[in-house]
Amino acid sequence: MSTGELIQSTRRRLGRVGVLLDTRLDGPLPPAQVQREMLARVEEMGYGSAWTNEAIGGKDVFAQLGIWLAATDRMVVGSSIANMWARPGRTMHGAAAVLADGYPGRFVLGIGTGKAFQADAVGLRYDRPLTQLRDYLDQMEAPPLSIAPPPGAQYPRLLAGVGPKMLALAGERADGALPAALPPERIAAVREALGPNKLLIQSLAVVPDTDRQRARDLARIIVRAIVKRAEKQYVRTLGQLGFTEEEVTGLDDRVLDALVVYGNETVIAKRVGEYLDAGADHVVISAAATDLVTVTDHYERLAPAVLGS
């Protein structure tokens, strides 16, 4: 299968909307049986994909996604992200290829550079993340070692990032990008930096709550965690849309309104549609709660509206 065919096939399998199946509020990793049950519910709702993330020193994203793939029949699962500091590049490729071989067409690898403290935690140095990621991709593409080489299965590879250099690297060396926390007005610029034929999978934080103040309080927690990880980049990116540095770093209500959608099902479905209309191939909605059952309940409530968006 050519690269173009792989991208087109993945686009069809993903459909328009997926979900991030994490708590987002620092809850513990749910037992595997709870994850299986929630995955089955999400698949039954009709979502095209389910995603999970990875830090350092906790769960292994490939082990978790193996459980997810075994618990579902058709849905695509993906990493958003697999952290490059968690394993060498060859190991990243090998793990991805094993899942792709076991579940053809149902696994998407999202890779991210993580943060300096994560590199420090494993005795490595976070220095020039763009260069380091480029070198890491070289390692993934290096000839396999003679002992237990990975299968030759294909899988889509996406890079996380919001800046033009990272998006350009995704267009050059990957099958697409997985940006997070961008307003719909930025999607056209992301598509231009990425290229017309690559996958653009946009994450969208949602708070399905019609109490405006309560929803904004939760949105502020979500955005604080996102912006803190890449403050300079968000100051630059949102600055191009007229936001001041003080608004971004101070988490002004205007910033919250741009990066998180909150309200009823109709309001959330409308925002999802704005991303798709602007050029995103797939939108991954991300609800926050302290337990996975409540997160899944949110997705069940939203499904009729967002899947018809």
C-alpha atoms as a PDB file:
ATOM      1  CA  MET A   1       0.000   0.000   0.000  1.00  0.00           C
ATOM      2  CA  SER A   2       1.378   3.407  -0.943  1.00  0.00           C
ATOM      3  CA  THR A   3       1.573   6.261   1.556  1.00  0.00           C
ATOM      4  CA  GLY A   4      -1.312   8.004  -0.149  1.00  0.00           C
ATOM      5  CA  GLU A   5      -3.424   4.853  -0.015  1.00  0.00           C
ATOM      6  CA  LEU A   6      -2.601   4.375   3.669  1.00  0.00           C
ATOM      7  CA  ILE A   7      -3.689   7.936   4.457  1.00  0.00           C
ATOM      8  CA  GLN A   8      -6.899   7.611   2.465  1.00  0.00           C
ATOM      9  CA  SER A   9      -7.746   4.276   4.070  1.00  0.00           C
ATOM     10  CA  THR A  10      -7.136   5.700   7.549  1.00  0.00           C
ATOM     11  CA  ARG A  11      -9.258   8.756   6.778  1.00  0.00           C
ATOM     12  CA  ARG A  12     -12.178   6.528   5.808  1.00  0.00           C
ATOM     13  CA  ARG A  13     -11.840   4.314   8.867  1.00  0.00           C
ATOM     14  CA  LEU A  14     -11.622   7.241  11.272  1.00  0.00           C
ATOM     15  CA  GLY A  15     -14.776   8.938  10.106  1.00  0.00           C
ATOM     16  CA  ARG A  16     -15.413  12.436  11.416  1.00  0.00           C
ATOM     17  CA  VAL A  17     -15.336  12.248  15.221  1.00  0.00           C
ATOM     18  CA  GLY A  18     -13.466  10.262  17.885  1.00  0.00           C
ATOM     19  CA  VAL A  19     -12.883  10.534  21.629  1.00  0.00           C
ATOM     20  CA  LEU A  20     -10.004  10.838  24.074  1.00  0.00           C
ATOM     21  CA  LEU A  21     -10.687   8.142  26.649  1.00  0.00           C
ATOM     22  CA  ASP A  22      -8.692   9.521  29.588  1.00  0.00           C
ATOM     23  CA  THR A  23      -9.867  11.272  32.726  1.00  0.00           C
ATOM     24  CA  ARG A  24      -7.780  14.447  32.114  1.00  0.00           C
ATOM     25  CA  LEU A  25      -8.069  15.331  35.825  1.00  0.00           C
ATOM     26  CA  ASP A  26      -5.263  13.187  37.227  1.00  0.00           C
ATOM     27  CA  GLY A  27      -7.459  10.271  38.165  1.00  0.00           C
ATOM     28  CA  PRO A  28      -5.795   6.852  38.522  1.00  0.00           C
ATOM     29  CA  LEU A  29      -5.528   4.497  35.562  1.00  0.00           C
ATOM     30  CA  PRO A  30      -8.807   2.531  35.589  1.00  0.00           C
ATOM     31  CA  PRO A  31      -8.693  -1.247  35.865  1.00  0.00           C
ATOM     32  CA  ALA A  32      -8.418  -3.019  32.515  1.00  0.00           C
ATOM     33  CA  GLN A  33     -11.943  -4.436  32.810  1.00  0.00           C
ATOM     34  CA  VAL A  34     -13.407  -0.939  33.235  1.00  0.00           C
ATOM     35  CA  GLN A  35     -11.478   0.207  30.170  1.00  0.00           C
ATOM     36  CA  ARG A  36     -12.834  -2.737  28.163  1.00  0.00           C
ATOM     37  CA  GLU A  37     -16.387  -1.926  29.182  1.00  0.00           C
ATOM     38  CA  MET A  38     -16.039   1.760  28.327  1.00  0.00           C
ATOM     39  CA  LEU A  39     -14.418   0.977  24.968  1.00  0.00           C
ATOM     40  CA  ALA A  40     -17.330  -1.302  24.104  1.00  0.00           C
ATOM     41  CA  ARG A  41     -19.758   1.494  24.979  1.00  0.00           C
ATOM     42  CA  VAL A  42     -17.897   4.063  22.875  1.00  0.00           C
ATOM     43  CA  GLU A  43     -17.739   1.717  19.901  1.00  0.00           C
ATOM     44  CA  GLU A  44     -21.458   1.017  20.180  1.00  0.00           C
ATOM     45  CA  MET A  45     -22.145   4.778  20.179  1.00  0.00           C
ATOM     46  CA  GLY A  46     -20.612   5.006  16.709  1.00  0.00           C
ATOM     47  CA  TYR A  47     -17.440   7.011  17.318  1.00  0.00           C
ATOM     48  CA  GLY A  48     -14.698   6.250  14.814  1.00  0.00           C
ATOM     49  CA  SER A  49     -11.708   6.327  17.142  1.00  0.00           C
ATOM     50  CA  ALA A  50     -10.525   6.291  20.751  1.00  0.00           C
ATOM     51  CA  TRP A  51      -7.231   7.782  21.937  1.00  0.00           C
ATOM     52  CA  THR A  52      -5.091   7.776  25.051  1.00  0.00           C
ATOM     53  CA  ASN A  53      -1.925   9.596  26.066  1.00  0.00           C
ATOM     54  CA  GLU A  54       1.371   8.756  27.743  1.00  0.00           C
ATOM     55  CA  ALA A  55       3.642  10.501  30.192  1.00  0.00           C
ATOM     56  CA  ILE A  56       6.788   9.052  31.761  1.00  0.00           C
ATOM     57  CA  GLY A  57       6.876   6.689  34.702  1.00  0.00           C
ATOM     58  CA  GLY A  58       3.280   5.491  34.391  1.00  0.00           C
ATOM     59  CA  LYS A  59       1.397   3.360  31.919  1.00  0.00           C
ATOM     60  CA  ASP A  60       2.930   2.091  28.698  1.00  0.00           C
ATOM     61  CA  VAL A  61       0.720   3.350  25.888  1.00  0.00           C
ATOM     62  CA  PHE A  62       1.275   0.309  23.638  1.00  0.00           C
ATOM     63  CA  ALA A  63       0.317  -2.142  26.371  1.00  0.00           C
ATOM     64  CA  GLN A  64      -2.835  -0.134  27.031  1.00  0.00           C
ATOM     65  CA  LEU A  65      -3.771   0.118  23.350  1.00  0.00           C
ATOM     66  CA  GLY A  66      -3.259  -3.616  22.964  1.00  0.00           C
ATOM     67  CA  ILE A  67      -5.982  -4.109  25.581  1.00  0.00           C
ATOM     68  CA  TRP A  68      -8.204  -1.629  23.729  1.00  0.00           C
ATOM     69  CA  LEU A  69      -7.773  -3.295  20.354  1.00  0.00           C
ATOM     70  CA  ALA A  70      -8.592  -6.690  21.828  1.00  0.00           C
ATOM     71  CA  ALA A  71     -11.733  -5.227  23.436  1.00  0.00           C
ATOM     72  CA  THR A  72     -13.167  -3.740  20.220  1.00  0.00           C
ATOM     73  CA  ASP A  73     -14.106  -4.981  16.774  1.00  0.00           C
ATOM     74  CA  ARG A  74     -13.831  -2.113  14.303  1.00  0.00           C
ATOM     75  CA  MET A  75     -12.868   1.147  15.996  1.00  0.00           C
ATOM     76  CA  VAL A  76      -9.482   2.774  15.338  1.00  0.00           C
ATOM     77  CA  VAL A  77      -7.338   3.385  18.427  1.00  0.00           C
ATOM     78  CA  GLY A  78      -4.447   5.794  18.660  1.00  0.00           C
ATOM     79  CA  SER A  79      -1.772   7.318  20.866  1.00  0.00           C
ATOM     80  CA  SER A  80      -2.053  11.019  21.505  1.00  0.00           C
ATOM     81  CA  ILE A  81       0.778  10.852  22.258  1.00  0.00           C
ATOM     82  CA  ALA A  82       3.370   8.120  22.587  1.00  0.00           C
ATOM     83  CA  ASN A  83       6.186   9.968  24.349  1.00  0.00           C
ATOM     84  CA  MET A  84       9.524   9.769  22.534  1.00  0.00           C
ATOM     85  CA  TRP A  85      11.419   9.740  25.849  1.00  0.00           C
ATOM     86  CA  ALA A  86       9.693   6.524  26.931  1.00  0.00           C
ATOM     87  CA  ARG A  87      11.566   4.273  24.487  1.00  0.00           C
ATOM     88  CA  PRO A  88      14.206   4.299  21.722  1.00  0.00           C
ATOM     89  CA  GLY A  89      13.056   5.020  18.177  1.00  0.00           C
ATOM     90  CA  ARG A  90      13.551   1.440  16.998  1.00  0.00           C
ATOM     91  CA  THR A  91      11.446   0.199  19.912  1.00  0.00           C
ATOM     92  CA  MET A  92       8.715   2.739  19.128  1.00  0.00           C
ATOM     93  CA  HIS A  93       8.540   1.464  15.557  1.00  0.00           C
ATOM     94  CA  GLY A  94       8.632  -2.165  16.648  1.00  0.00           C
ATOM     95  CA  ALA A  95       5.762  -1.734  19.127  1.00  0.00           C
ATOM     96  CA  ALA A  96       3.661   0.139  16.569  1.00  0.00           C
ATOM     97  CA  ALA A  97       4.320  -2.466  13.887  1.00  0.00           C
ATOM     98  CA  VAL A  98       3.278  -5.316  16.188  1.00  0.00           C
ATOM     99  CA  LEU A  99      -0.101  -3.649  16.910  1.00  0.00           C
ATOM    100  CA  ALA A 100      -0.573  -2.805  13.231  1.00  0.00           C
ATOM    101  CA  ASP A 101       0.192  -6.400  12.285  1.00  0.00           C
ATOM    102  CA  GLY A 102      -2.238  -7.779  14.841  1.00  0.00           C
ATOM    103  CA  TYR A 103      -5.043  -5.340  14.011  1.00  0.00           C
ATOM    104  CA  PRO A 104      -4.640  -4.157  10.401  1.00  0.00           C
ATOM    105  CA  GLY A 105      -5.983  -0.667   9.728  1.00  0.00           C
ATOM    106  CA  ARG A 106      -7.035  -0.056  13.321  1.00  0.00           C
ATOM    107  CA  PHE A 107      -3.967   1.571  14.910  1.00  0.00           C
ATOM    108  CA  VAL A 108      -2.614   5.116  14.538  1.00  0.00           C
ATOM    109  CA  LEU A 109       0.654   6.228  16.127  1.00  0.00           C
ATOM    110  CA  GLY A 110       0.818   9.785  17.421  1.00  0.00           C
ATOM    111  CA  ILE A 111       4.298  10.825  18.579  1.00  0.00           C
ATOM    112  CA  GLY A 112       5.234  13.788  20.745  1.00  0.00           C
ATOM    113  CA  THR A 113       8.394  15.325  22.159  1.00  0.00           C
ATOM    114  CA  GLY A 114       7.127  15.583  25.710  1.00  0.00           C
ATOM    115  CA  LYS A 115       8.844  17.983  28.081  1.00  0.00           C
ATOM    116  CA  ALA A 116      12.277  18.568  29.621  1.00  0.00           C
ATOM    117  CA  PHE A 117      11.381  17.098  33.028  1.00  0.00           C
ATOM    118  CA  GLN A 118      10.257  13.890  31.279  1.00  0.00           C
ATOM    119  CA  ALA A 119      13.586  13.565  29.488  1.00  0.00           C
ATOM    120  CA  ASP A 120      15.378  14.245  32.780  1.00  0.00           C
ATOM    121  CA  ALA A 121      13.368  11.474  34.442  1.00  0.00           C
ATOM    122  CA  VAL A 122      14.965   8.868  32.166  1.00  0.00           C
ATOM    123  CA  GLY A 123      18.460  10.358  32.192  1.00  0.00           C
ATOM    124  CA  LEU A 124      18.234  12.114  28.814  1.00  0.00           C
ATOM    125  CA  ARG A 125      18.517  15.745  27.819  1.00  0.00           C
ATOM    126  CA  TYR A 126      15.752  17.834  26.270  1.00  0.00           C
ATOM    127  CA  ASP A 127      17.663  20.326  24.169  1.00  0.00           C
ATOM    128  CA  ARG A 128      16.405  21.095  20.647  1.00  0.00           C
ATOM    129  CA  PRO A 129      13.092  19.213  20.381  1.00  0.00           C
ATOM    130  CA  LEU A 130      12.606  19.677  16.642  1.00  0.00           C
ATOM    131  CA  THR A 131      16.087  18.352  15.856  1.00  0.00           C
ATOM    132  CA  GLN A 132      15.732  15.610  18.429  1.00  0.00           C
ATOM    133  CA  LEU A 133      12.428  14.480  16.941  1.00  0.00           C
ATOM    134  CA  ARG A 134      13.922  14.466  13.454  1.00  0.00           C
ATOM    135  CA  ASP A 135      16.757  12.253  14.729  1.00  0.00           C
ATOM    136  CA  TYR A 136      14.226  10.053  16.495  1.00  0.00           C
ATOM    137  CA  LEU A 137      12.316   9.548  13.227  1.00  0.00           C
ATOM    138  CA  ASP A 138      15.621   8.556  11.612  1.00  0.00           C
ATOM    139  CA  GLN A 139      15.998   5.897  14.300  1.00  0.00           C
ATOM    140  CA  MET A 140      12.484   4.611  13.662  1.00  0.00           C
ATOM    141  CA  GLU A 141      13.277   4.261   9.967  1.00  0.00           C
ATOM    142  CA  ALA A 142      16.690   2.646  10.455  1.00  0.00           C
ATOM    143  CA  PRO A 143      17.162  -0.924   9.177  1.00  0.00           C
ATOM    144  CA  PRO A 144      15.923  -3.435  11.747  1.00  0.00           C
ATOM    145  CA  LEU A 145      18.388  -5.313  13.879  1.00  0.00           C
ATOM    146  CA  SER A 146      18.907  -8.970  13.075  1.00  0.00           C
ATOM    147  CA  ILE A 147      17.394 -10.222  16.345  1.00  0.00           C
ATOM    148  CA  ALA A 148      13.568 -10.419  16.322  1.00  0.00           C
ATOM    149  CA  PRO A 149      12.928  -7.762  13.656  1.00  0.00           C
ATOM    150  CA  PRO A 150       9.448  -6.190  13.757  1.00  0.00           C
ATOM    151  CA  PRO A 151       6.770  -7.193  11.244  1.00  0.00           C
ATOM    152  CA  GLY A 152       6.486  -5.192   8.051  1.00  0.00           C
ATOM    153  CA  ALA A 153       2.976  -3.958   8.819  1.00  0.00           C
ATOM    154  CA  GLN A 154       2.138  -0.363   7.874  1.00  0.00           C
ATOM    155  CA  TYR A 155       0.606   2.156  10.247  1.00  0.00           C
ATOM    156  CA  PRO A 156      -0.071   5.913  10.029  1.00  0.00           C
ATOM    157  CA  ARG A 157       2.392   8.091  11.920  1.00  0.00           C
ATOM    158  CA  LEU A 158       1.343  11.526  13.192  1.00  0.00           C
ATOM    159  CA  LEU A 159       3.340  14.221  14.978  1.00  0.00           C
ATOM    160  CA  ALA A 160       1.929  16.347  17.774  1.00  0.00           C
ATOM    161  CA  GLY A 161       2.534  20.080  17.551  1.00  0.00           C
ATOM    162  CA  VAL A 162       1.003  23.477  16.879  1.00  0.00           C
ATOM    163  CA  GLY A 163       3.964  25.508  15.596  1.00  0.00           C
ATOM    164  CA  PRO A 164       4.819  25.935  11.908  1.00  0.00           C
ATOM    165  CA  LYS A 165       8.194  24.139  12.129  1.00  0.00           C
ATOM    166  CA  MET A 166       6.729  21.059  13.803  1.00  0.00           C
ATOM    167  CA  LEU A 167       3.830  21.013  11.338  1.00  0.00           C
ATOM    168  CA  ALA A 168       6.253  21.318   8.442  1.00  0.00           C
ATOM    169  CA  LEU A 169       8.208  18.342   9.832  1.00  0.00           C
ATOM    170  CA  ALA A 170       4.940  16.398  10.061  1.00  0.00           C
ATOM    171  CA  GLY A 171       4.251  17.199   6.423  1.00  0.00           C
ATOM    172  CA  GLU A 172       7.757  16.124   5.442  1.00  0.00           C
ATOM    173  CA  ARG A 173       8.337  13.016   7.563  1.00  0.00           C
ATOM    174  CA  ALA A 174       4.949  11.760   8.766  1.00  0.00           C
ATOM    175  CA  ASP A 175       1.456  10.987   7.546  1.00  0.00           C
ATOM    176  CA  GLY A 176      -0.076  13.947   9.303  1.00  0.00           C
ATOM    177  CA  ALA A 177      -0.369  15.927  12.501  1.00  0.00           C
ATOM    178  CA  LEU A 178      -2.242  15.782  15.776  1.00  0.00           C
ATOM    179  CA  PRO A 179      -2.456  19.360  17.086  1.00  0.00           C
ATOM    180  CA  ALA A 180      -4.249  20.204  20.323  1.00  0.00           C
ATOM    181  CA  ALA A 181      -5.945  23.302  21.695  1.00  0.00           C
ATOM    182  CA  LEU A 182      -6.250  25.450  18.602  1.00  0.00           C
ATOM    183  CA  PRO A 183      -9.286  27.553  17.688  1.00  0.00           C
ATOM    184  CA  PRO A 184     -11.032  26.777  14.377  1.00  0.00           C
ATOM    185  CA  GLU A 185      -9.602  29.974  12.904  1.00  0.00           C
ATOM    186  CA  ARG A 186      -6.127  28.396  12.945  1.00  0.00           C
ATOM    187  CA  ILE A 187      -7.040  25.246  11.029  1.00  0.00           C
ATOM    188  CA  ALA A 188      -6.515  26.765   7.579  1.00  0.00           C
ATOM    189  CA  ALA A 189      -2.973  27.797   8.558  1.00  0.00           C
ATOM    190  CA  VAL A 190      -2.298  24.339  10.002  1.00  0.00           C
ATOM    191  CA  ARG A 191      -3.492  22.722   6.795  1.00  0.00           C
ATOM    192  CA  GLU A 192      -1.271  25.021   4.726  1.00  0.00           C
ATOM    193  CA  ALA A 193       1.812  24.198   6.827  1.00  0.00           C
ATOM    194  CA  LEU A 194       1.025  20.481   6.781  1.00  0.00           C
ATOM    195  CA  GLY A 195       0.123  20.091   3.132  1.00  0.00           C
ATOM    196  CA  PRO A 196      -3.178  19.258   1.426  1.00  0.00           C
ATOM    197  CA  ASN A 197      -3.013  15.465   1.467  1.00  0.00           C
ATOM    198  CA  LYS A 198      -1.847  14.685   4.993  1.00  0.00           C
ATOM    199  CA  LEU A 199      -4.068  13.695   7.906  1.00  0.00           C
ATOM    200  CA  LEU A 200      -5.097  16.540  10.197  1.00  0.00           C
ATOM    201  CA  ILE A 201      -6.578  15.208  13.418  1.00  0.00           C
ATOM    202  CA  GLN A 202      -7.582  17.986  15.778  1.00  0.00           C
ATOM    203  CA  SER A 203      -8.169  17.525  19.508  1.00  0.00           C
ATOM    204  CA  LEU A 204     -10.950  19.581  21.081  1.00  0.00           C
ATOM    205  CA  ALA A 205     -11.547  19.935  24.814  1.00  0.00           C
ATOM    206  CA  VAL A 206     -15.267  19.908  25.632  1.00  0.00           C
ATOM    207  CA  VAL A 207     -17.184  20.662  28.823  1.00  0.00           C
ATOM    208  CA  PRO A 208     -20.797  19.510  28.444  1.00  0.00           C
ATOM    209  CA  ASP A 209     -22.214  21.801  31.105  1.00  0.00           C
ATOM    210  CA  THR A 210     -24.710  24.638  30.624  1.00  0.00           C
ATOM    211  CA  ASP A 211     -23.696  26.381  33.860  1.00  0.00           C
ATOM    212  CA  ARG A 212     -21.366  28.993  32.364  1.00  0.00           C
ATOM    213  CA  GLN A 213     -19.310  29.751  35.456  1.00  0.00           C
ATOM    214  CA  ARG A 214     -18.881  26.134  36.471  1.00  0.00           C
ATOM    215  CA  ALA A 215     -17.940  25.216  32.901  1.00  0.00           C
ATOM    216  CA  ARG A 216     -15.414  28.023  32.700  1.00  0.00           C
ATOM    217  CA  ASP A 217     -13.847  26.975  35.985  1.00  0.00           C
ATOM    218  CA  LEU A 218     -13.254  23.501  34.568  1.00  0.00           C
ATOM    219  CA  ALA A 219     -12.111  24.943  31.226  1.00  0.00           C
ATOM    220  CA  ARG A 220      -9.513  27.014  33.093  1.00  0.00           C
ATOM    221  CA  ILE A 221      -8.066  23.864  34.688  1.00  0.00           C
ATOM    222  CA  ILE A 222      -7.848  22.187  31.283  1.00  0.00           C
ATOM    223  CA  VAL A 223      -6.304  25.153  29.470  1.00  0.00           C
ATOM    224  CA  ARG A 224      -3.830  25.845  32.284  1.00  0.00           C
ATOM    225  CA  ALA A 225      -2.435  22.321  31.876  1.00  0.00           C
ATOM    226  CA  ILE A 226      -2.221  22.681  28.081  1.00  0.00           C
ATOM    227  CA  VAL A 227      -0.698  26.159  27.923  1.00  0.00           C
ATOM    228  CA  LYS A 228       1.774  25.469  30.720  1.00  0.00           C
ATOM    229  CA  ARG A 229       3.378  22.744  28.597  1.00  0.00           C
ATOM    230  CA  ALA A 230       4.032  25.082  25.650  1.00  0.00           C
ATOM    231  CA  GLU A 231       3.440  28.631  26.840  1.00  0.00           C
ATOM    232  CA  LYS A 232       5.746  30.411  24.386  1.00  0.00           C
ATOM    233  CA  GLN A 233       4.267  28.565  21.439  1.00  0.00           C
ATOM    234  CA  TYR A 234       0.699  29.400  22.433  1.00  0.00           C
ATOM    235  CA  VAL A 235       1.627  33.049  22.974  1.00  0.00           C
ATOM    236  CA  ARG A 236       2.973  33.141  19.397  1.00  0.00           C
ATOM    237  CA  THR A 237       0.172  31.109  17.835  1.00  0.00           C
ATOM    238  CA  LEU A 238      -2.722  32.875  19.538  1.00  0.00           C
ATOM    239  CA  GLY A 239      -0.962  36.200  19.075  1.00  0.00           C
ATOM    240  CA  GLN A 240      -1.503  35.778  15.339  1.00  0.00           C
ATOM    241  CA  LEU A 241      -5.240  35.831  16.061  1.00  0.00           C
ATOM    242  CA  GLY A 242      -5.060  39.013  18.139  1.00  0.00           C
ATOM    243  CA  PHE A 243      -4.636  37.602  21.643  1.00  0.00           C
ATOM    244  CA  THR A 244      -2.158  39.413  23.872  1.00  0.00           C
ATOM    245  CA  GLU A 245       0.532  37.645  25.865  1.00  0.00           C
ATOM    246  CA  GLU A 246      -1.218  38.729  29.054  1.00  0.00           C
ATOM    247  CA  GLU A 247      -4.465  37.134  27.898  1.00  0.00           C
ATOM    248  CA  VAL A 248      -2.755  33.836  27.102  1.00  0.00           C
ATOM    249  CA  THR A 249      -0.580  33.553  30.211  1.00  0.00           C
ATOM    250  CA  GLY A 250      -3.368  34.886  32.427  1.00  0.00           C
ATOM    251  CA  LEU A 251      -5.912  32.448  30.970  1.00  0.00           C
ATOM    252  CA  ASP A 252      -8.332  35.201  30.091  1.00  0.00           C
ATOM    253  CA  ASP A 253     -11.941  34.143  29.501  1.00  0.00           C
ATOM    254  CA  ARG A 254     -11.475  34.977  25.820  1.00  0.00           C
ATOM    255  CA  VAL A 255      -8.685  32.391  25.604  1.00  0.00           C
ATOM    256  CA  LEU A 256     -10.836  29.783  27.345  1.00  0.00           C
ATOM    257  CA  ASP A 257     -13.668  30.442  24.901  1.00  0.00           C
ATOM    258  CA  ALA A 258     -11.284  29.967  21.965  1.00  0.00           C
ATOM    259  CA  LEU A 259      -9.689  26.720  23.120  1.00  0.00           C
ATOM    260  CA  VAL A 260     -12.528  24.912  24.921  1.00  0.00           C
ATOM    261  CA  VAL A 261     -16.168  24.554  23.936  1.00  0.00           C
ATOM    262  CA  TYR A 262     -18.702  24.333  26.723  1.00  0.00           C
ATOM    263  CA  GLY A 263     -22.469  24.247  26.802  1.00  0.00           C
ATOM    264  CA  ASN A 264     -25.141  21.878  25.580  1.00  0.00           C
ATOM    265  CA  GLU A 265     -24.893  19.216  22.875  1.00  0.00           C
ATOM    266  CA  THR A 266     -25.922  21.593  20.106  1.00  0.00           C
ATOM    267  CA  VAL A 267     -23.229  24.135  20.982  1.00  0.00           C
ATOM    268  CA  ILE A 268     -20.536  21.454  21.124  1.00  0.00           C
ATOM    269  CA  ALA A 269     -21.654  19.842  17.859  1.00  0.00           C
ATOM    270  CA  LYS A 270     -21.535  23.247  16.160  1.00  0.00           C
ATOM    271  CA  ARG A 271     -17.899  23.757  17.214  1.00  0.00           C
ATOM    272  CA  VAL A 272     -16.959  20.273  16.004  1.00  0.00           C
ATOM    273  CA  GLY A 273     -18.490  21.123  12.641  1.00  0.00           C
ATOM    274  CA  GLU A 274     -16.476  24.346  12.463  1.00  0.00           C
ATOM    275  CA  TYR A 275     -13.219  22.372  12.682  1.00  0.00           C
ATOM    276  CA  LEU A 276     -14.328  19.902  10.029  1.00  0.00           C
ATOM    277  CA  ASP A 277     -15.502  22.691   7.731  1.00  0.00           C
ATOM    278  CA  ALA A 278     -12.170  24.484   8.214  1.00  0.00           C
ATOM    279  CA  GLY A 279     -10.182  21.490   6.954  1.00  0.00           C
ATOM    280  CA  ALA A 280      -9.685  19.012   9.802  1.00  0.00           C
ATOM    281  CA  ASP A 281     -10.119  15.395   8.725  1.00  0.00           C
ATOM    282  CA  HIS A 282     -11.133  14.147  12.153  1.00  0.00           C
ATOM    283  CA  VAL A 283     -11.943  15.788  15.493  1.00  0.00           C
ATOM    284  CA  VAL A 284     -11.119  14.035  18.774  1.00  0.00           C
ATOM    285  CA  ILE A 285     -13.334  15.399  21.530  1.00  0.00           C
ATOM    286  CA  SER A 286     -11.904  15.335  25.029  1.00  0.00           C
ATOM    287  CA  ALA A 287     -14.173  15.529  28.057  1.00  0.00           C
ATOM    288  CA  ALA A 288     -12.737  15.770  31.554  1.00  0.00           C
ATOM    289  CA  ALA A 289     -13.845  13.974  34.706  1.00  0.00           C
ATOM    290  CA  THR A 290     -12.264  12.188  37.645  1.00  0.00           C
ATOM    291  CA  ASP A 291     -13.321   8.724  36.468  1.00  0.00           C
ATOM    292  CA  LEU A 292     -13.609   6.985  33.119  1.00  0.00           C
ATOM    293  CA  VAL A 293     -17.269   6.040  33.535  1.00  0.00           C
ATOM    294  CA  THR A 294     -18.278   9.709  33.835  1.00  0.00           C
ATOM    295  CA  VAL A 295     -16.112  10.611  30.828  1.00  0.00           C
ATOM    296  CA  THR A 296     -17.879   7.909  28.816  1.00  0.00           C
ATOM    297  CA  ASP A 297     -21.274   9.128  30.018  1.00  0.00           C
ATOM    298  CA  HIS A 298     -20.414  12.547  28.562  1.00  0.00           C
ATOM    299  CA  TYR A 299     -19.609  10.984  25.193  1.00  0.00           C
ATOM    300  CA  GLU A 300     -22.853   9.023  25.190  1.00  0.00           C
ATOM    301  CA  ARG A 301     -24.817  12.212  25.780  1.00  0.00           C
ATOM    302  CA  LEU A 302     -22.962  14.013  23.002  1.00  0.00           C
ATOM    303  CA  ALA A 303     -22.965  11.225  20.421  1.00  0.00           C
ATOM    304  CA  PRO A 304     -26.286  11.916  18.639  1.00  0.00           C
ATOM    305  CA  ALA A 305     -25.355  15.571  18.132  1.00  0.00           C
ATOM    306  CA  VAL A 306     -21.646  15.423  17.331  1.00  0.00           C
ATOM    307  CA  LEU A 307     -21.768  12.348  15.104  1.00  0.00           C
ATOM    308  CA  GLY A 308     -24.356  14.080  12.973  1.00  0.00           C
ATOM    309  CA  SER A 309     -22.330  17.334  12.799  1.00  0.00           C
END
